[in-house]
């Protein structure tokens, strides 16, 4: 059964599992390989910018 993006967003579970919608099917993602490298790179860039701008990391 395929679902819409709105259905997916309403269904998305709370917690630590990661899912993406592929061709109308919710697929559980594993934080390994390319996904993990991209997430690490984004986090590193964000951290550098936060420090450069001297912004607080938590309010």
C-alpha atoms as a PDB file:
ATOM      1  CA  UNK A   1       0.000   0.000   0.000  1.00  0.00           C
ATOM      2  CA  UNK A   2       1.386   3.402  -0.932  1.00  0.00           C
ATOM      3  CA  UNK A   3       0.846   6.508   1.185  1.00  0.00           C
ATOM      4  CA  UNK A   4       0.978  10.239   0.550  1.00  0.00           C
ATOM      5  CA  UNK A   5       3.479  12.632   2.066  1.00  0.00           C
ATOM      6  CA  UNK A   6       0.761  14.011   4.366  1.00  0.00           C
ATOM      7  CA  UNK A   7      -0.092  10.478   5.543  1.00  0.00           C
ATOM      8  CA  UNK A   8       3.604   9.793   6.103  1.00  0.00           C
ATOM      9  CA  UNK A   9       4.032  12.947   8.195  1.00  0.00           C
ATOM     10  CA  UNK A  10       0.967  12.059  10.294  1.00  0.00           C
ATOM     11  CA  UNK A  11       2.227   8.482  10.751  1.00  0.00           C
ATOM     12  CA  UNK A  12       5.888   9.282  11.491  1.00  0.00           C
ATOM     13  CA  UNK A  13       6.685   7.675  14.869  1.00  0.00           C
ATOM     14  CA  UNK A  14       8.203   9.431  17.871  1.00  0.00           C
ATOM     15  CA  UNK A  15      11.623   8.308  19.001  1.00  0.00           C
ATOM     16  CA  UNK A  16      14.987   7.610  17.474  1.00  0.00           C
ATOM     17  CA  UNK A  17      14.101   5.561  14.393  1.00  0.00           C
ATOM     18  CA  UNK A  18      14.573   7.269  11.041  1.00  0.00           C
ATOM     19  CA  UNK A  19      12.272   6.768   8.106  1.00  0.00           C
ATOM     20  CA  UNK A  20      12.011   8.137   4.595  1.00  0.00           C
ATOM     21  CA  UNK A  21       9.241   7.923   2.045  1.00  0.00           C
ATOM     22  CA  UNK A  22      10.277   6.047  -1.110  1.00  0.00           C
ATOM     23  CA  UNK A  23       7.740   5.756  -3.900  1.00  0.00           C
ATOM     24  CA  UNK A  24       4.892   5.947  -1.377  1.00  0.00           C
ATOM     25  CA  UNK A  25       6.393   3.405   1.043  1.00  0.00           C
ATOM     26  CA  UNK A  26       7.834   4.238   4.488  1.00  0.00           C
ATOM     27  CA  UNK A  27      11.335   2.754   4.712  1.00  0.00           C
ATOM     28  CA  UNK A  28      13.391   2.606   7.910  1.00  0.00           C
ATOM     29  CA  UNK A  29      16.818   4.187   7.443  1.00  0.00           C
ATOM     30  CA  UNK A  30      20.062   3.094   9.036  1.00  0.00           C
ATOM     31  CA  UNK A  31      22.489   5.889   9.972  1.00  0.00           C
ATOM     32  CA  UNK A  32      25.423   4.319   8.155  1.00  0.00           C
ATOM     33  CA  UNK A  33      27.421   4.934   5.027  1.00  0.00           C
ATOM     34  CA  UNK A  34      26.559   8.009   2.983  1.00  0.00           C
ATOM     35  CA  UNK A  35      23.787   9.181   5.322  1.00  0.00           C
ATOM     36  CA  UNK A  36      26.146   9.156   8.286  1.00  0.00           C
ATOM     37  CA  UNK A  37      28.905  11.000   6.415  1.00  0.00           C
ATOM     38  CA  UNK A  38      26.513  13.707   5.203  1.00  0.00           C
ATOM     39  CA  UNK A  39      25.047  14.171   8.695  1.00  0.00           C
ATOM     40  CA  UNK A  40      28.536  14.453  10.184  1.00  0.00           C
ATOM     41  CA  UNK A  41      29.584  17.035   7.572  1.00  0.00           C
ATOM     42  CA  UNK A  42      26.457  19.152   8.121  1.00  0.00           C
ATOM     43  CA  UNK A  43      26.931  19.007  11.908  1.00  0.00           C
ATOM     44  CA  UNK A  44      30.590  20.037  11.564  1.00  0.00           C
ATOM     45  CA  UNK A  45      29.780  22.995   9.302  1.00  0.00           C
ATOM     46  CA  UNK A  46      26.970  24.117  11.629  1.00  0.00           C
ATOM     47  CA  UNK A  47      29.262  23.909  14.664  1.00  0.00           C
ATOM     48  CA  UNK A  48      31.980  25.953  12.952  1.00  0.00           C
ATOM     49  CA  UNK A  49      29.471  28.649  11.927  1.00  0.00           C
ATOM     50  CA  UNK A  50      27.926  28.794  15.408  1.00  0.00           C
ATOM     51  CA  UNK A  51      31.385  29.307  16.905  1.00  0.00           C
ATOM     52  CA  UNK A  52      32.419  31.815  14.229  1.00  0.00           C
ATOM     53  CA  UNK A  53      29.293  33.890  14.831  1.00  0.00           C
ATOM     54  CA  UNK A  54      29.698  33.465  18.587  1.00  0.00           C
ATOM     55  CA  UNK A  55      26.122  32.285  18.913  1.00  0.00           C
ATOM     56  CA  UNK A  56      24.856  30.172  21.805  1.00  0.00           C
ATOM     57  CA  UNK A  57      24.243  26.532  20.970  1.00  0.00           C
ATOM     58  CA  UNK A  58      21.405  26.206  23.495  1.00  0.00           C
ATOM     59  CA  UNK A  59      18.852  28.745  24.688  1.00  0.00           C
END
